Amino acid sequence: MQPAELSHVPPVSPQFFQLRYQVRSHMIKEIRAMVSWKGVYFVLALFLGSFFGSIFMLGPFLPLMFISPAWYRWITDRVVATWLTLPVALLEMVFGAKVVVTGDGFVPGERSVIIMNHRTRMDWMFLWSCLLRYSYLRLEKICLKSSLKSIPGFGANLDAIHDITVAYPQNIPQTEKQLLNGNFPKEIHFHVQRYPIETVPTSKEELQLWCQKRWEEKEERLRHFYEGGKCFNVTGQGIIPPCKSELRVLMVKCVSLLYWTVFPLGMLALLYLYSSARWYFAAMIIIFVVQQKIFGGLELIELACHQYFKKQQKFHVMKIRTS
């Protein structure tokens, strides 16, 4: 461009700079709205805790599965239960969610099936806040409906069925992405209805009618909840009080939050300082990936080991009787 032509370039107006500033400010606000530090902390804490917990807490006990599946299950149930307290601690202490349990509650040590309505994809995780108060965390096993058919003898040795209705008076996060945005429920209400196993029909047709009736009651209960005072019970308490007091629950949450914050940092330091830890880490990653590809998961290997030892035990008993 020639010098004479420069005089014809119009000067940049102040409105241009103001508009550019507004656009940048809007973009920054949009990015901040997409994520929150609490949401990022929640996701990272759960991921790092479960990842390093699987490698360094569950990994060393894998050989025990082939020696004594019962002892392996006893140990892993307790290890997993310690991690399950972490989402409870984050939900209630970091995000300030209030948990209200009404209805029949749970009988400690009782074997039961839990059926629950799903308002969001996060219901299964929020349920842990309810189960912690009744010491059910280490006993919980999650089964998809299609998986129930493959469990031999499902329904045997059960004491009751617990029908749980869950409701959220305010915001209802639908996906994991909304959790990352920091969109957590302020209150979670659980209403527990207990049905002794002897009152549950056994025939397929009667059981279908029974389930349909329960779901009709659940829909009516939810309608009264949202149209009324946003509570299942005016007292806000269950018939069977929780095993753990709120003070004890608070202590569990504090210890869990402290442990699962320090533990991943300690494991990262261990990997950084010691080559033997890095070799062990790599070996465990390979084992977990290979077994998943070949066998479909550790739970299937554990089930096979349990069935093998059970057959061996029956064979040994029959051999003693015939001798």
Protein backbone atom coordinates (compact mmCIF):
# COMPACT_ATOMS: atom_id res chain seq x y z
CA MET A 1 0.00 0.00 0.00
CA GLN A 2 1.36 3.41 -0.94
CA PRO A 3 1.74 6.19 1.69
CA ALA A 4 -0.90 8.27 -0.07
CA GLU A 5 -3.40 5.45 0.30
CA LEU A 6 -2.93 5.21 4.06
CA SER A 7 -4.74 8.47 4.59
CA HIS A 8 -7.86 6.94 3.09
CA VAL A 9 -8.03 4.09 5.71
CA PRO A 10 -10.87 4.95 8.10
CA PRO A 11 -9.93 5.07 11.77
CA VAL A 12 -11.12 2.22 14.06
CA SER A 13 -14.04 3.44 16.11
CA PRO A 14 -14.29 2.93 19.90
CA GLN A 15 -17.49 0.92 19.32
CA PHE A 16 -15.40 -1.74 17.56
CA PHE A 17 -13.20 -2.30 20.61
CA GLN A 18 -16.26 -2.32 22.86
CA LEU A 19 -17.98 -4.92 20.67
CA ARG A 20 -14.86 -7.10 20.62
CA TYR A 21 -14.61 -6.90 24.41
CA GLN A 22 -18.25 -7.90 24.78
CA VAL A 23 -17.79 -10.89 22.44
CA ARG A 24 -14.73 -12.09 24.35
CA SER A 25 -16.49 -11.64 27.69
CA HIS A 26 -19.47 -13.63 26.42
CA MET A 27 -17.21 -16.45 25.20
CA ILE A 28 -15.43 -16.61 28.56
CA LYS A 29 -18.76 -16.77 30.38
CA GLU A 30 -19.93 -19.55 28.05
CA ILE A 31 -16.78 -21.58 28.75
CA ARG A 32 -17.16 -21.07 32.48
CA ALA A 33 -20.80 -22.14 32.26
CA MET A 34 -19.75 -25.37 30.56
CA VAL A 35 -17.68 -26.55 33.53
CA SER A 36 -17.29 -25.71 37.20
CA TRP A 37 -14.36 -26.39 39.48
CA LYS A 38 -16.58 -28.46 41.74
CA GLY A 39 -17.78 -30.56 38.83
CA VAL A 40 -14.21 -31.11 37.60
CA TYR A 41 -13.10 -32.01 41.13
CA PHE A 42 -15.99 -34.45 41.48
CA VAL A 43 -15.20 -36.27 38.22
CA LEU A 44 -11.42 -36.33 38.79
CA ALA A 45 -11.76 -37.52 42.40
CA LEU A 46 -14.04 -40.40 41.41
CA PHE A 47 -11.93 -41.41 38.40
CA LEU A 48 -8.53 -41.24 40.11
CA GLY A 49 -9.85 -42.96 43.22
CA SER A 50 -11.41 -45.86 41.31
CA PHE A 51 -8.46 -46.15 38.91
CA PHE A 52 -5.67 -46.22 41.48
CA GLY A 53 -7.87 -48.16 43.91
CA SER A 54 -8.32 -50.94 41.36
CA ILE A 55 -4.57 -51.08 40.69
CA PHE A 56 -3.08 -50.70 44.16
CA MET A 57 -5.88 -51.84 46.51
CA LEU A 58 -7.71 -54.59 44.60
CA GLY A 59 -4.82 -55.72 42.38
CA PRO A 60 -2.69 -57.34 45.12
CA PHE A 61 -5.63 -59.58 46.13
CA LEU A 62 -6.32 -60.99 42.64
CA PRO A 63 -4.36 -64.24 43.26
CA LEU A 64 -6.59 -64.89 46.29
CA MET A 65 -9.52 -65.34 43.88
CA PHE A 66 -8.01 -68.65 42.70
CA ILE A 67 -7.24 -69.85 46.23
CA SER A 68 -10.29 -68.79 48.22
CA PRO A 69 -13.05 -66.94 46.33
CA ALA A 70 -14.97 -66.41 49.57
CA TRP A 71 -12.10 -64.56 51.23
CA TYR A 72 -11.46 -62.61 48.00
CA ARG A 73 -15.10 -61.48 47.97
CA TRP A 74 -15.00 -60.58 51.66
CA ILE A 75 -11.96 -58.33 51.14
CA THR A 76 -13.05 -56.74 47.87
CA ASP A 77 -16.51 -55.93 49.24
CA ARG A 78 -14.90 -53.83 51.94
CA VAL A 79 -12.39 -52.19 49.61
CA VAL A 80 -15.13 -51.22 47.17
CA ALA A 81 -17.35 -50.00 50.02
CA THR A 82 -14.63 -47.55 51.08
CA TRP A 83 -14.67 -46.05 47.59
CA LEU A 84 -18.48 -45.90 47.52
CA THR A 85 -18.36 -43.51 50.47
CA LEU A 86 -16.47 -40.98 48.32
CA PRO A 87 -19.41 -39.97 46.06
CA VAL A 88 -21.53 -39.63 49.20
CA ALA A 89 -18.93 -37.36 50.82
CA LEU A 90 -18.55 -35.23 47.69
CA LEU A 91 -22.29 -34.95 47.13
CA GLU A 92 -23.15 -33.95 50.69
CA MET A 93 -20.03 -32.08 51.87
CA VAL A 94 -18.76 -30.38 48.72
CA PHE A 95 -22.10 -29.74 47.02
CA GLY A 96 -24.22 -29.49 50.16
CA ALA A 97 -26.94 -31.90 49.06
CA LYS A 98 -29.51 -32.82 51.72
CA VAL A 99 -30.63 -36.47 51.93
CA VAL A 100 -34.03 -37.38 53.39
CA VAL A 101 -35.06 -41.02 53.94
CA THR A 102 -38.69 -41.84 54.82
CA GLY A 103 -40.85 -44.93 54.84
CA ASP A 104 -39.95 -48.38 56.13
CA GLY A 105 -36.17 -48.11 55.91
CA PHE A 106 -33.91 -51.18 55.88
CA VAL A 107 -33.46 -54.02 58.34
CA PRO A 108 -29.70 -54.40 59.03
CA GLY A 109 -28.19 -57.51 57.46
CA GLU A 110 -31.32 -58.39 55.52
CA ARG A 111 -30.97 -59.87 52.03
CA SER A 112 -33.22 -58.00 49.65
CA VAL A 113 -33.74 -56.78 46.12
CA ILE A 114 -34.05 -53.04 45.60
CA ILE A 115 -36.28 -51.72 42.84
CA MET A 116 -36.26 -47.99 42.15
CA ASN A 117 -37.68 -45.48 39.70
CA HIS A 118 -35.15 -43.60 37.60
CA ARG A 119 -35.58 -39.87 37.18
CA THR A 120 -32.00 -39.47 35.93
CA ARG A 121 -28.99 -41.54 34.94
CA MET A 122 -27.43 -40.59 38.28
CA ASP A 123 -30.02 -42.21 40.59
CA TRP A 124 -27.87 -45.29 41.22
CA MET A 125 -25.03 -43.12 42.55
CA PHE A 126 -27.26 -40.89 44.68
CA LEU A 127 -28.75 -44.05 46.24
CA TRP A 128 -25.44 -44.68 48.01
CA SER A 129 -26.22 -41.79 50.36
CA CYS A 130 -29.28 -43.71 51.51
CA LEU A 131 -27.53 -47.08 51.77
CA LEU A 132 -24.60 -45.67 53.77
CA ARG A 133 -26.93 -44.71 56.60
CA TYR A 134 -28.18 -48.30 56.84
CA SER A 135 -24.75 -50.00 56.45
CA TYR A 136 -25.77 -51.46 53.10
CA LEU A 137 -22.93 -50.13 50.94
CA ARG A 138 -20.64 -53.14 51.12
CA LEU A 139 -23.59 -55.48 50.51
CA GLU A 140 -24.93 -53.72 47.42
CA LYS A 141 -24.67 -55.46 44.06
CA ILE A 142 -25.93 -53.69 40.95
CA CYS A 143 -27.69 -55.85 38.34
CA LEU A 144 -29.19 -54.74 35.06
CA LYS A 145 -32.65 -56.12 34.44
CA SER A 146 -31.43 -58.28 31.55
CA SER A 147 -28.70 -59.73 33.79
CA LEU A 148 -31.13 -61.09 36.36
CA LYS A 149 -32.12 -63.97 34.08
CA SER A 150 -28.54 -65.28 33.99
CA ILE A 151 -28.20 -65.50 37.77
CA PRO A 152 -28.92 -69.08 38.86
CA GLY A 153 -31.47 -69.32 41.63
CA PHE A 154 -32.16 -65.59 41.68
CA GLY A 155 -34.68 -64.86 44.38
CA ALA A 156 -33.56 -67.64 46.67
CA ASN A 157 -32.56 -66.77 50.23
CA LEU A 158 -34.17 -63.34 49.99
CA ASP A 159 -35.89 -61.74 52.95
CA ALA A 160 -37.66 -58.82 51.32
CA ILE A 161 -38.07 -56.50 48.38
CA HIS A 162 -37.46 -52.80 48.93
CA ASP A 163 -39.31 -50.47 46.58
CA ILE A 164 -37.58 -47.08 46.62
CA THR A 165 -39.14 -43.94 45.22
CA VAL A 166 -36.64 -41.14 44.61
CA ALA A 167 -37.59 -37.52 44.02
CA TYR A 168 -35.78 -34.19 43.64
CA PRO A 169 -37.58 -31.04 44.81
CA GLN A 170 -35.38 -28.71 42.76
CA ASN A 171 -32.85 -29.30 40.00
CA ILE A 172 -32.58 -32.78 38.48
CA PRO A 173 -29.26 -33.52 36.74
CA GLN A 174 -29.96 -35.86 33.85
CA THR A 175 -26.47 -36.73 32.58
CA GLU A 176 -22.84 -36.88 33.65
CA LYS A 177 -22.20 -33.70 31.65
CA GLN A 178 -24.52 -31.75 33.92
CA LEU A 179 -22.55 -32.98 36.92
CA LEU A 180 -19.42 -31.63 35.27
CA ASN A 181 -21.21 -28.30 35.00
CA GLY A 182 -21.78 -28.41 38.75
CA ASN A 183 -25.53 -29.01 38.40
CA PHE A 184 -26.07 -31.13 41.52
CA PRO A 185 -29.37 -31.67 43.34
CA LYS A 186 -29.91 -29.59 46.49
CA GLU A 187 -32.16 -32.23 48.05
CA ILE A 188 -32.71 -35.94 47.42
CA HIS A 189 -35.72 -37.70 48.93
CA PHE A 190 -35.92 -41.49 49.23
CA HIS A 191 -39.14 -43.23 50.26
CA VAL A 192 -38.57 -46.90 51.14
CA GLN A 193 -41.41 -49.40 51.02
CA ARG A 194 -40.55 -52.87 52.35
CA TYR A 195 -42.38 -56.02 51.20
CA PRO A 196 -41.56 -59.30 53.00
CA ILE A 197 -40.68 -61.98 50.48
CA GLU A 198 -43.57 -64.20 51.57
CA THR A 199 -46.04 -61.49 50.45
CA VAL A 200 -44.60 -61.35 46.91
CA PRO A 201 -46.31 -63.57 44.29
CA THR A 202 -44.29 -66.37 42.73
CA SER A 203 -46.14 -66.99 39.46
CA LYS A 204 -45.14 -64.93 36.44
CA GLU A 205 -48.61 -63.50 35.78
CA GLU A 206 -49.26 -62.53 39.40
CA LEU A 207 -45.80 -61.05 39.73
CA GLN A 208 -46.35 -58.87 36.67
CA LEU A 209 -49.60 -57.56 38.17
CA TRP A 210 -47.84 -56.99 41.49
CA CYS A 211 -45.09 -54.95 39.81
CA GLN A 212 -47.64 -52.96 37.83
CA LYS A 213 -49.50 -52.15 41.05
CA ARG A 214 -46.29 -50.98 42.74
CA TRP A 215 -45.50 -48.68 39.82
CA GLU A 216 -48.99 -47.19 39.91
CA GLU A 217 -48.52 -46.47 43.61
CA LYS A 218 -45.12 -44.97 42.86
CA GLU A 219 -46.55 -42.63 40.21
CA GLU A 220 -49.26 -41.50 42.61
CA ARG A 221 -46.68 -40.94 45.35
CA LEU A 222 -44.55 -38.83 43.01
CA ARG A 223 -47.60 -36.82 41.91
CA HIS A 224 -48.42 -35.95 45.53
CA PHE A 225 -44.74 -35.11 46.13
CA TYR A 226 -44.43 -32.56 43.33
CA GLU A 227 -47.93 -31.12 43.68
CA GLY A 228 -47.79 -30.95 47.46
CA GLY A 229 -45.12 -29.90 49.92
CA LYS A 230 -42.18 -31.57 48.11
CA CYS A 231 -41.89 -34.29 50.76
CA PHE A 232 -43.03 -37.90 51.12
CA ASN A 233 -43.53 -37.66 54.87
CA VAL A 234 -44.06 -34.56 56.98
CA THR A 235 -41.81 -35.99 59.72
CA GLY A 236 -38.94 -36.54 57.27
CA GLN A 237 -38.00 -39.76 59.08
CA GLY A 238 -38.23 -43.47 58.39
CA ILE A 239 -40.04 -46.08 60.48
CA ILE A 240 -36.79 -47.98 60.98
CA PRO A 241 -34.12 -45.46 62.02
CA PRO A 242 -30.74 -45.62 60.25
CA CYS A 243 -28.02 -47.78 61.80
CA LYS A 244 -25.59 -44.88 61.70
CA SER A 245 -26.23 -41.59 63.44
CA GLU A 246 -25.69 -38.41 61.45
CA LEU A 247 -22.56 -37.75 63.52
CA ARG A 248 -21.15 -41.14 62.53
CA VAL A 249 -22.10 -40.55 58.90
CA LEU A 250 -20.30 -37.20 59.04
CA MET A 251 -17.16 -38.88 60.42
CA VAL A 252 -17.26 -41.49 57.64
CA LYS A 253 -17.61 -38.76 55.00
CA CYS A 254 -14.73 -36.71 56.44
CA VAL A 255 -12.39 -39.69 56.59
CA SER A 256 -13.42 -40.76 53.07
CA LEU A 257 -12.85 -37.31 51.61
CA LEU A 258 -9.43 -37.05 53.26
CA TYR A 259 -8.31 -40.56 52.32
CA TRP A 260 -9.43 -40.49 48.68
CA THR A 261 -7.83 -37.07 48.21
CA VAL A 262 -4.46 -38.12 49.62
CA PHE A 263 -4.40 -41.68 48.23
CA PRO A 264 -4.17 -40.82 44.48
CA LEU A 265 -1.48 -38.23 45.21
CA GLY A 266 0.47 -40.82 47.17
CA MET A 267 0.21 -43.34 44.33
CA LEU A 268 1.40 -40.76 41.81
CA ALA A 269 4.40 -40.04 44.03
CA LEU A 270 5.06 -43.78 44.33
CA LEU A 271 5.06 -44.18 40.55
CA TYR A 272 7.38 -41.21 40.17
CA LEU A 273 9.91 -42.38 42.76
CA TYR A 274 10.14 -46.15 42.27
CA SER A 275 10.65 -48.12 39.05
CA SER A 276 9.29 -51.27 40.72
CA ALA A 277 5.97 -49.46 41.25
CA ARG A 278 5.94 -48.50 37.58
CA TRP A 279 6.56 -52.13 36.52
CA TYR A 280 3.77 -53.33 38.81
CA PHE A 281 1.47 -50.61 37.48
CA ALA A 282 2.15 -51.61 33.85
CA ALA A 283 1.66 -55.31 34.63
CA MET A 284 -1.71 -54.67 36.31
CA ILE A 285 -2.90 -52.55 33.38
CA ILE A 286 -2.04 -55.40 31.01
CA ILE A 287 -3.80 -57.95 33.23
CA PHE A 288 -6.98 -55.87 33.49
CA VAL A 289 -7.10 -55.21 29.74
CA VAL A 290 -6.36 -58.82 28.72
CA GLN A 291 -8.85 -60.42 31.11
CA GLN A 292 -11.55 -58.00 29.93
CA LYS A 293 -10.90 -58.92 26.29
CA ILE A 294 -10.73 -62.69 26.87
CA PHE A 295 -13.12 -63.40 29.75
CA GLY A 296 -15.37 -60.33 29.74
CA GLY A 297 -14.62 -59.10 33.25
CA LEU A 298 -13.23 -60.09 36.64
CA GLU A 299 -16.71 -60.82 37.98
CA LEU A 300 -17.10 -63.67 35.47
CA ILE A 301 -13.73 -65.15 36.46
CA GLU A 302 -14.69 -64.87 40.11
CA LEU A 303 -18.04 -66.57 39.46
CA ALA A 304 -16.29 -69.42 37.63
CA CYS A 305 -13.85 -69.87 40.53
CA HIS A 306 -16.71 -69.85 43.03
CA GLN A 307 -18.62 -72.49 41.06
CA TYR A 308 -15.50 -74.64 40.74
CA PHE A 309 -14.77 -74.59 44.47
CA LYS A 310 -18.43 -75.28 45.21
CA LYS A 311 -18.41 -78.34 42.96
CA GLN A 312 -15.18 -79.51 44.55
CA GLN A 313 -16.72 -79.13 47.99
CA LYS A 314 -19.82 -81.13 47.00
CA PHE A 315 -17.66 -83.82 45.44
CA HIS A 316 -15.57 -84.03 48.61
CA VAL A 317 -18.69 -84.38 50.78
CA MET A 318 -20.12 -87.11 48.55
CA LYS A 319 -16.79 -88.94 48.59
CA ILE A 320 -16.75 -88.91 52.40
CA ARG A 321 -20.31 -90.25 52.54
CA THR A 322 -19.62 -93.12 50.16
CA SER A 323 -16.37 -94.14 51.86
